[in-house]
């Protein structure tokens, strides 16, 4: 600055004009220097770094590049230049240094934020990230860093030591607890969720209270995002997964089987003992031939052993059409290619209801994919609905409009026949 003023005074200019003109020239010089430095760092150094990063086989440096860590770091260079030349602008040098320091702190916070995001991105490339996400912990570190940065900025503006402000934070602890309540609850919940392996990214969870029924796509410090099957997004507080109940379908997905639990309602009036004709007919059914022969021998042996008079079907043991149908379903499922034979498989009768006798199928498919599961289940019940009449059974159904119309038509025909 003095060199510029001396040079201007050689032209016999007014000292006041020299003072302002030298200041303007110095400002323009520093601005030009900052522009050149910024150009060199962004157009030259950053390009060189980018070329080096993209040519390496490592992936972590690519994450730093994607998070613009190096580009944000380049913003510190102009601030350092301004800080260096601050002494030339007395008596405003302290204010200029203060502003430069604040800018450097803010840029440093942005750089640290980018590094933390890059660390989380790098961690997510590993398989363990699905079971032990660290996004919540990264967000906690961000909060701490931003808080410390805010304290440094205030201390710099006040011209005081940051330790003086830190000593007063204890008195504001209650306020901080109130402000960061959700974050603290989320931190504790996140630790419990990950340590107990309660949820992972990709898990299918069901939480009716929050309208969530879909896959977890993100677990953060405060929230868990669920993409429902209708592609909507439901956001659930992390601590709600600890305080409230929810269903995690991961166990089903990893077990290799998806449960079928559905009943056929048999009209009770269609249940009867099997006649000889029916038994001969059943012997020609592929899944029943061995069963009928075995059961006939067992029944005949039992009745002969106990000297039972079979002139009345009520006496002794006998086959029933619903019992044979139940055996057919069981054998059919045991031979079905879509049923997991290593898991529970049974066909059972439930307590009779006003809708008839429930015949429940309890089995597991060997493919947990939703579409395949539904197709397998539909194929099974399509077949069973179609074959039930072959056993002399009627499936219960509330009367429809067509049934009532048919009944009325039959009655009208009878009335006309009587009239004639």
Protein backbone atom coordinates (compact mmCIF):
# COMPACT_ATOMS: atom_id res chain seq x y z
CA UNK A 1 0.00 0.00 0.00
CA UNK A 2 2.82 2.44 0.94
CA UNK A 3 4.64 1.61 -2.29
CA UNK A 4 1.52 2.47 -4.31
CA UNK A 5 1.02 5.72 -2.40
CA UNK A 6 4.67 6.72 -2.94
CA UNK A 7 4.38 6.02 -6.63
CA UNK A 8 1.19 8.12 -6.91
CA UNK A 9 2.70 11.02 -4.95
CA UNK A 10 5.46 11.25 -7.56
CA UNK A 11 2.78 12.53 -9.91
CA UNK A 12 2.09 15.42 -7.48
CA UNK A 13 -1.46 14.29 -6.74
CA UNK A 14 -3.42 15.46 -3.72
CA UNK A 15 -2.64 13.26 -0.64
CA UNK A 16 -6.34 12.67 0.02
CA UNK A 17 -6.87 11.51 -3.54
CA UNK A 18 -3.76 9.35 -3.28
CA UNK A 19 -5.10 7.72 -0.13
CA UNK A 20 -8.42 6.69 -1.70
CA UNK A 21 -6.92 5.84 -5.08
CA UNK A 22 -4.25 3.61 -3.53
CA UNK A 23 -6.95 1.82 -1.53
CA UNK A 24 -9.00 1.21 -4.68
CA UNK A 25 -5.93 -0.02 -6.56
CA UNK A 26 -5.05 -2.36 -3.69
CA UNK A 27 -8.59 -3.73 -3.57
CA UNK A 28 -8.55 -4.32 -7.32
CA UNK A 29 -5.13 -5.99 -7.05
CA UNK A 30 -6.31 -8.34 -4.27
CA UNK A 31 -9.53 -9.08 -6.19
CA UNK A 32 -7.48 -9.87 -9.32
CA UNK A 33 -5.15 -12.05 -7.26
CA UNK A 34 -8.14 -13.92 -5.78
CA UNK A 35 -9.65 -14.44 -9.23
CA UNK A 36 -6.36 -15.78 -10.60
CA UNK A 37 -5.88 -18.06 -7.58
CA UNK A 38 -9.46 -19.32 -7.82
CA UNK A 39 -9.00 -19.92 -11.57
CA UNK A 40 -5.77 -21.85 -11.02
CA UNK A 41 -7.25 -24.03 -8.25
CA UNK A 42 -10.51 -24.82 -10.07
CA UNK A 43 -9.41 -24.98 -13.70
CA UNK A 44 -5.95 -26.44 -13.23
CA UNK A 45 -5.43 -28.13 -9.87
CA UNK A 46 -8.98 -29.53 -9.57
CA UNK A 47 -8.78 -30.88 -13.14
CA UNK A 48 -5.48 -32.55 -12.39
CA UNK A 49 -6.91 -34.06 -9.20
CA UNK A 50 -10.02 -35.21 -11.09
CA UNK A 51 -7.88 -36.89 -13.74
CA UNK A 52 -5.79 -38.65 -11.11
CA UNK A 53 -8.87 -39.75 -9.15
CA UNK A 54 -10.70 -41.16 -12.18
CA UNK A 55 -7.59 -43.06 -13.32
CA UNK A 56 -7.06 -44.91 -10.02
CA UNK A 57 -8.68 -48.25 -9.21
CA UNK A 58 -9.90 -47.06 -5.83
CA UNK A 59 -13.53 -46.01 -5.33
CA UNK A 60 -13.23 -43.95 -2.16
CA UNK A 61 -11.52 -41.05 -3.96
CA UNK A 62 -14.37 -41.03 -6.51
CA UNK A 63 -16.82 -40.54 -3.64
CA UNK A 64 -14.81 -37.52 -2.44
CA UNK A 65 -14.93 -36.13 -5.96
CA UNK A 66 -18.69 -36.70 -6.29
CA UNK A 67 -19.30 -34.93 -2.99
CA UNK A 68 -17.26 -31.92 -4.31
CA UNK A 69 -14.81 -32.04 -1.39
CA UNK A 70 -11.87 -30.77 -3.48
CA UNK A 71 -13.94 -28.06 -5.14
CA UNK A 72 -15.19 -26.77 -1.79
CA UNK A 73 -11.64 -26.85 -0.45
CA UNK A 74 -10.52 -24.55 -3.26
CA UNK A 75 -12.73 -21.75 -1.86
CA UNK A 76 -10.33 -21.35 1.09
CA UNK A 77 -7.53 -20.01 -1.15
CA UNK A 78 -9.13 -16.54 -1.81
CA UNK A 79 -9.94 -16.20 1.90
CA UNK A 80 -6.31 -16.92 2.83
CA UNK A 81 -5.15 -14.24 0.37
CA UNK A 82 -7.58 -11.68 1.84
CA UNK A 83 -6.46 -12.64 5.37
CA UNK A 84 -2.81 -12.19 4.35
CA UNK A 85 -3.35 -8.68 2.92
CA UNK A 86 -5.66 -7.52 5.73
CA UNK A 87 -2.84 -5.60 7.45
CA UNK A 88 -2.66 -3.17 4.51
CA UNK A 89 -6.14 -1.82 5.30
CA UNK A 90 -5.59 -0.30 8.73
CA UNK A 91 -7.60 0.41 10.86
CA UNK A 92 -10.05 -2.10 9.34
CA UNK A 93 -7.58 -4.97 9.31
CA UNK A 94 -9.17 -6.69 12.33
CA UNK A 95 -12.63 -6.61 10.76
CA UNK A 96 -11.28 -7.99 7.47
CA UNK A 97 -9.42 -10.79 9.28
CA UNK A 98 -12.56 -11.55 11.26
CA UNK A 99 -14.66 -11.82 8.08
CA UNK A 100 -12.00 -13.96 6.39
CA UNK A 101 -11.83 -16.26 9.42
CA UNK A 102 -15.63 -16.66 9.45
CA UNK A 103 -15.57 -17.50 5.74
CA UNK A 104 -12.76 -20.04 6.25
CA UNK A 105 -14.71 -21.69 9.10
CA UNK A 106 -17.87 -21.93 6.97
CA UNK A 107 -15.92 -23.43 4.06
CA UNK A 108 -14.22 -25.87 6.45
CA UNK A 109 -17.65 -26.97 7.70
CA UNK A 110 -18.78 -27.55 4.12
CA UNK A 111 -15.64 -29.60 3.44
CA UNK A 112 -16.12 -31.70 6.58
CA UNK A 113 -19.79 -32.20 5.65
CA UNK A 114 -18.73 -33.42 2.20
CA UNK A 115 -16.13 -35.78 3.73
CA UNK A 116 -18.70 -37.25 6.11
CA UNK A 117 -21.16 -37.78 3.23
CA UNK A 118 -18.38 -39.45 1.25
CA UNK A 119 -17.57 -41.72 4.21
CA UNK A 120 -21.22 -42.81 4.35
CA UNK A 121 -21.25 -43.38 0.57
CA UNK A 122 -18.07 -45.48 0.78
CA UNK A 123 -19.50 -47.51 3.66
CA UNK A 124 -22.70 -48.20 1.70
CA UNK A 125 -20.67 -49.98 -0.97
CA UNK A 126 -20.00 -52.78 1.54
CA UNK A 127 -22.54 -55.52 2.26
CA UNK A 128 -22.42 -54.86 6.01
CA UNK A 129 -24.06 -51.46 5.44
CA UNK A 130 -27.42 -53.25 4.92
CA UNK A 131 -27.31 -54.70 8.43
CA UNK A 132 -25.30 -51.99 10.21
CA UNK A 133 -26.05 -48.57 8.65
CA UNK A 134 -23.98 -45.65 9.95
CA UNK A 135 -26.00 -42.78 8.48
CA UNK A 136 -27.45 -41.95 11.91
CA UNK A 137 -24.00 -41.76 13.48
CA UNK A 138 -22.72 -39.61 10.60
CA UNK A 139 -25.60 -37.21 11.20
CA UNK A 140 -24.70 -37.04 14.91
CA UNK A 141 -21.11 -36.13 13.98
CA UNK A 142 -22.48 -33.47 11.61
CA UNK A 143 -24.55 -31.94 14.41
CA UNK A 144 -21.52 -31.84 16.71
CA UNK A 145 -19.27 -30.35 14.02
CA UNK A 146 -21.84 -27.72 13.02
CA UNK A 147 -22.40 -26.81 16.68
CA UNK A 148 -18.66 -26.40 17.24
CA UNK A 149 -18.36 -24.40 14.01
CA UNK A 150 -21.21 -22.13 15.10
CA UNK A 151 -19.43 -21.56 18.44
CA UNK A 152 -16.19 -20.72 16.62
CA UNK A 153 -17.99 -18.22 14.38
CA UNK A 154 -19.66 -16.49 17.35
CA UNK A 155 -16.39 -16.46 19.32
CA UNK A 156 -14.55 -14.98 16.33
CA UNK A 157 -17.18 -12.26 15.84
CA UNK A 158 -17.11 -11.44 19.55
CA UNK A 159 -13.33 -11.57 19.72
CA UNK A 160 -13.51 -13.98 22.65
CA UNK A 161 -12.08 -17.41 23.29
CA UNK A 162 -14.41 -20.25 22.20
CA UNK A 163 -13.77 -21.94 25.57
CA UNK A 164 -15.66 -19.13 27.29
CA UNK A 165 -18.73 -19.92 25.18
CA UNK A 166 -18.29 -23.64 25.77
CA UNK A 167 -18.30 -23.09 29.52
CA UNK A 168 -21.72 -21.45 29.23
CA UNK A 169 -23.27 -24.29 27.25
CA UNK A 170 -23.89 -26.25 30.45
CA UNK A 171 -26.49 -23.70 31.44
CA UNK A 172 -28.19 -24.14 28.06
CA UNK A 173 -28.19 -27.94 28.20
CA UNK A 174 -31.95 -28.06 28.91
CA UNK A 175 -32.58 -25.91 25.83
CA UNK A 176 -30.36 -28.16 23.72
CA UNK A 177 -32.17 -31.25 25.00
CA UNK A 178 -35.47 -29.70 23.94
CA UNK A 179 -34.21 -28.56 20.53
CA UNK A 180 -32.48 -31.85 19.73
CA UNK A 181 -35.06 -34.11 21.36
CA UNK A 182 -35.95 -35.96 18.16
CA UNK A 183 -32.28 -36.33 17.23
CA UNK A 184 -31.38 -37.77 20.64
CA UNK A 185 -34.36 -40.14 20.59
CA UNK A 186 -33.44 -41.12 17.05
CA UNK A 187 -29.82 -41.75 18.05
CA UNK A 188 -30.83 -44.07 20.89
CA UNK A 189 -33.39 -45.79 18.64
CA UNK A 190 -30.83 -46.15 15.85
CA UNK A 191 -28.37 -47.83 18.20
CA UNK A 192 -31.03 -50.26 19.40
CA UNK A 193 -32.29 -50.97 15.87
CA UNK A 194 -28.82 -51.77 14.54
CA UNK A 195 -27.47 -53.58 17.61
CA UNK A 196 -30.54 -55.84 17.77
CA UNK A 197 -30.69 -56.16 13.96
CA UNK A 198 -34.38 -55.20 14.02
CA UNK A 199 -34.49 -53.56 10.59
CA UNK A 200 -32.22 -53.26 7.58
CA UNK A 201 -32.37 -51.33 4.33
CA UNK A 202 -34.37 -53.51 1.96
CA UNK A 203 -36.54 -55.13 4.65
CA UNK A 204 -40.26 -55.39 4.01
CA UNK A 205 -42.04 -54.01 7.08
CA UNK A 206 -45.70 -53.46 7.88
CA UNK A 207 -46.77 -50.75 10.32
CA UNK A 208 -50.51 -49.98 9.95
CA UNK A 209 -50.39 -47.15 12.50
CA UNK A 210 -48.26 -45.10 10.10
CA UNK A 211 -49.75 -46.53 6.90
CA UNK A 212 -46.47 -48.24 6.04
CA UNK A 213 -46.42 -51.47 4.05
CA UNK A 214 -43.35 -51.83 1.86
CA UNK A 215 -39.55 -51.87 1.70
CA UNK A 216 -37.20 -49.74 3.79
CA UNK A 217 -35.16 -47.50 1.49
CA UNK A 218 -33.36 -45.34 4.04
CA UNK A 219 -32.51 -45.36 7.75
CA UNK A 220 -31.34 -42.01 9.14
CA UNK A 221 -30.87 -40.46 12.55
CA UNK A 222 -34.44 -39.23 12.92
CA UNK A 223 -36.53 -41.11 10.36
CA UNK A 224 -36.95 -44.39 8.52
CA UNK A 225 -38.26 -44.12 4.96
CA UNK A 226 -40.51 -46.88 3.63
CA UNK A 227 -41.48 -47.18 -0.02
CA UNK A 228 -44.94 -48.72 -0.05
CA UNK A 229 -46.01 -51.15 -2.74
CA UNK A 230 -48.06 -48.40 -4.40
CA UNK A 231 -44.75 -46.47 -4.73
CA UNK A 232 -45.69 -43.85 -2.15
CA UNK A 233 -43.17 -42.98 0.57
CA UNK A 234 -43.99 -43.20 4.27
CA UNK A 235 -41.67 -41.55 6.78
CA UNK A 236 -41.62 -43.10 10.27
CA UNK A 237 -39.79 -41.65 13.30
CA UNK A 238 -36.90 -43.95 14.24
CA UNK A 239 -37.97 -44.15 17.87
CA UNK A 240 -41.46 -45.30 16.78
CA UNK A 241 -39.92 -48.61 15.68
CA UNK A 242 -38.79 -49.08 19.29
CA UNK A 243 -41.89 -47.83 21.09
CA UNK A 244 -44.53 -49.33 18.74
CA UNK A 245 -44.95 -52.79 17.24
CA UNK A 246 -44.38 -53.58 13.58
CA UNK A 247 -44.07 -56.63 11.35
CA UNK A 248 -40.76 -57.38 9.64
CA UNK A 249 -41.16 -59.90 6.81
CA UNK A 250 -37.41 -60.53 6.52
CA UNK A 251 -37.77 -63.87 8.31
CA UNK A 252 -40.20 -65.04 5.65
CA UNK A 253 -37.98 -63.78 2.83
CA UNK A 254 -34.89 -65.55 4.15
CA UNK A 255 -36.68 -68.78 5.13
CA UNK A 256 -37.33 -69.85 1.54
CA UNK A 257 -41.06 -70.31 2.05
CA UNK A 258 -44.17 -68.13 2.05
CA UNK A 259 -47.23 -69.30 3.91
CA UNK A 260 -50.55 -70.26 2.37
CA UNK A 261 -53.34 -70.25 4.97
CA UNK A 262 -56.75 -70.34 3.35
CA UNK A 263 -59.93 -72.38 3.80
CA UNK A 264 -62.48 -74.04 1.57
CA UNK A 265 -65.99 -73.97 3.08
CA UNK A 266 -67.76 -77.30 2.49
CA UNK A 267 -71.54 -77.35 2.49
CA UNK A 268 -72.31 -79.65 5.44
CA UNK A 269 -75.36 -81.17 3.72
CA UNK A 270 -73.13 -82.59 0.97
CA UNK A 271 -70.98 -84.63 3.37
CA UNK A 272 -71.77 -88.38 3.25
CA UNK A 273 -70.35 -91.89 3.50
CA UNK A 274 -68.67 -93.20 0.37
CA UNK A 275 -70.64 -95.74 -1.66
CA UNK A 276 -69.02 -98.64 -3.52
CA UNK A 277 -69.39 -96.72 -6.78
CA UNK A 278 -67.68 -93.70 -5.29
CA UNK A 279 -64.81 -95.82 -3.94
CA UNK A 280 -64.24 -97.44 -7.32
CA UNK A 281 -64.26 -94.01 -8.92
CA UNK A 282 -61.72 -92.69 -6.39
CA UNK A 283 -59.36 -95.60 -7.13
CA UNK A 284 -58.91 -94.21 -10.62
CA UNK A 285 -57.69 -90.86 -9.27
CA UNK A 286 -53.90 -90.73 -9.47
CA UNK A 287 -53.27 -89.20 -6.04
CA UNK A 288 -55.81 -91.47 -4.28
CA UNK A 289 -55.22 -95.00 -5.62
CA UNK A 290 -52.72 -96.06 -2.95
CA UNK A 291 -54.56 -94.20 -0.20
CA UNK A 292 -57.94 -95.85 -0.97
CA UNK A 293 -56.44 -99.33 -1.10
CA UNK A 294 -54.58 -98.85 2.18
CA UNK A 295 -57.57 -97.34 3.96
CA UNK A 296 -59.93 -100.06 2.70
CA UNK A 297 -57.65 -102.75 4.12
CA UNK A 298 -57.36 -100.93 7.46
CA UNK A 299 -61.13 -100.42 7.74
CA UNK A 300 -61.95 -104.00 6.74
CA UNK A 301 -59.41 -105.39 9.21
CA UNK A 302 -60.79 -103.18 12.00
CA UNK A 303 -64.42 -104.10 11.33
CA UNK A 304 -63.65 -107.83 11.13
CA UNK A 305 -61.58 -107.71 14.30
CA UNK A 306 -64.41 -106.08 16.23
CA UNK A 307 -67.13 -108.17 14.52
CA UNK A 308 -69.04 -105.13 13.31
CA UNK A 309 -72.25 -105.50 11.32
CA UNK A 310 -71.75 -103.40 8.18
CA UNK A 311 -75.34 -103.72 6.93
CA UNK A 312 -75.81 -100.28 8.41
CA UNK A 313 -73.11 -97.74 7.38
CA UNK A 314 -73.36 -96.11 10.80
CA UNK A 315 -71.70 -99.14 12.39
CA UNK A 316 -67.92 -99.38 12.48
CA UNK A 317 -65.51 -97.38 10.33
CA UNK A 318 -66.14 -96.16 6.82
CA UNK A 319 -64.77 -93.69 4.30
CA UNK A 320 -66.44 -90.31 3.90
CA UNK A 321 -66.25 -88.10 0.86
CA UNK A 322 -64.86 -85.16 2.85
CA UNK A 323 -62.18 -87.39 4.39
CA UNK A 324 -61.14 -88.67 0.98
CA UNK A 325 -61.14 -85.11 -0.36
CA UNK A 326 -58.88 -84.01 2.53
CA UNK A 327 -56.48 -86.88 1.74
CA UNK A 328 -56.54 -85.92 -1.94
CA UNK A 329 -55.63 -82.31 -1.15
CA UNK A 330 -52.77 -83.43 1.11
CA UNK A 331 -51.33 -85.77 -1.54
CA UNK A 332 -51.86 -83.16 -4.23
CA UNK A 333 -49.85 -80.58 -2.25
CA UNK A 334 -47.09 -83.10 -1.52
CA UNK A 335 -46.64 -83.60 -5.25
CA UNK A 336 -47.03 -79.93 -6.20
CA UNK A 337 -43.78 -78.41 -7.62
CA UNK A 338 -44.53 -75.00 -6.09
CA UNK A 339 -44.86 -76.20 -2.47
CA UNK A 340 -41.91 -76.33 -0.06
CA UNK A 341 -41.90 -79.91 1.23
CA UNK A 342 -39.41 -79.14 4.04
CA UNK A 343 -41.85 -76.85 5.85
CA UNK A 344 -45.18 -77.44 7.58
CA UNK A 345 -47.82 -78.92 5.28
CA UNK A 346 -51.25 -79.98 6.48
CA UNK A 347 -54.92 -79.97 5.57
CA UNK A 348 -57.16 -79.67 8.61
CA UNK A 349 -60.77 -79.21 9.58
CA UNK A 350 -61.67 -76.13 11.60
CA UNK A 351 -64.74 -75.70 13.78
CA UNK A 352 -67.95 -75.72 11.72
CA UNK A 353 -69.54 -72.32 11.14
CA UNK A 354 -72.77 -71.00 9.69
CA UNK A 355 -70.98 -71.08 6.33
CA UNK A 356 -70.26 -74.81 6.52
CA UNK A 357 -67.18 -76.88 7.40
CA UNK A 358 -63.88 -75.00 6.88
CA UNK A 359 -61.19 -77.18 5.32
CA UNK A 360 -58.00 -75.21 5.84
CA UNK A 361 -54.86 -75.56 3.76
CA UNK A 362 -51.70 -74.71 5.66
CA UNK A 363 -48.54 -74.90 3.53
CA UNK A 364 -45.60 -72.87 2.26
CA UNK A 365 -44.59 -72.05 -1.30
CA UNK A 366 -40.96 -72.59 -2.26
CA UNK A 367 -40.69 -69.12 -3.85
CA UNK A 368 -41.17 -66.00 -1.70
CA UNK A 369 -41.62 -63.60 -4.62
CA UNK A 370 -45.06 -62.02 -4.38
CA UNK A 371 -46.18 -62.62 -7.97
CA UNK A 372 -44.99 -66.25 -7.96
CA UNK A 373 -46.61 -66.86 -4.57
CA UNK A 374 -49.97 -65.50 -5.70
CA UNK A 375 -49.83 -67.51 -8.93
CA UNK A 376 -49.05 -70.74 -7.07
CA UNK A 377 -51.82 -70.14 -4.53
CA UNK A 378 -54.35 -69.30 -7.23
CA UNK A 379 -53.44 -72.40 -9.27
CA UNK A 380 -53.96 -74.64 -6.23
CA UNK A 381 -57.37 -73.23 -5.35
CA UNK A 382 -58.48 -73.10 -8.98
CA UNK A 383 -57.90 -76.83 -9.12
CA UNK A 384 -59.57 -77.56 -5.78
CA UNK A 385 -62.69 -75.57 -6.61
CA UNK A 386 -62.99 -77.51 -9.85
CA UNK A 387 -62.46 -81.02 -8.38
CA UNK A 388 -64.63 -80.68 -5.26
CA UNK A 389 -67.84 -81.78 -7.10
CA UNK A 390 -66.04 -84.98 -8.19
CA UNK A 391 -66.15 -86.02 -4.53
CA UNK A 392 -69.86 -85.27 -4.19
CA UNK A 393 -69.12 -82.09 -2.25
CA UNK A 394 -70.56 -78.62 -2.63
CA UNK A 395 -68.61 -75.53 -1.67
CA UNK A 396 -70.61 -73.05 0.39
CA UNK A 397 -71.55 -69.71 -1.13
CA UNK A 398 -74.17 -67.19 -0.13
CA UNK A 399 -77.07 -67.13 -2.62
CA UNK A 400 -76.47 -64.72 -5.49
CA UNK A 401 -78.98 -62.88 -7.63
CA UNK A 402 -78.60 -65.58 -10.28
CA UNK A 403 -79.46 -68.31 -7.73
CA UNK A 404 -82.61 -66.47 -6.64
CA UNK A 405 -83.66 -65.89 -10.25
CA UNK A 406 -83.15 -69.57 -11.08
CA UNK A 407 -85.21 -70.60 -8.03
CA UNK A 408 -88.04 -68.24 -8.99
CA UNK A 409 -88.02 -69.54 -12.58
CA UNK A 410 -88.26 -73.13 -11.33
CA UNK A 411 -91.15 -72.24 -9.03
CA UNK A 412 -93.00 -70.49 -11.84
CA UNK A 413 -92.57 -73.56 -14.06
CA UNK A 414 -94.01 -75.77 -11.30
CA UNK A 415 -96.97 -73.43 -10.83
CA UNK A 416 -97.74 -73.49 -14.57
CA UNK A 417 -97.48 -77.29 -14.61
CA UNK A 418 -100.00 -77.54 -11.73
CA UNK A 419 -102.36 -75.10 -13.45
CA UNK A 420 -102.35 -77.22 -16.57
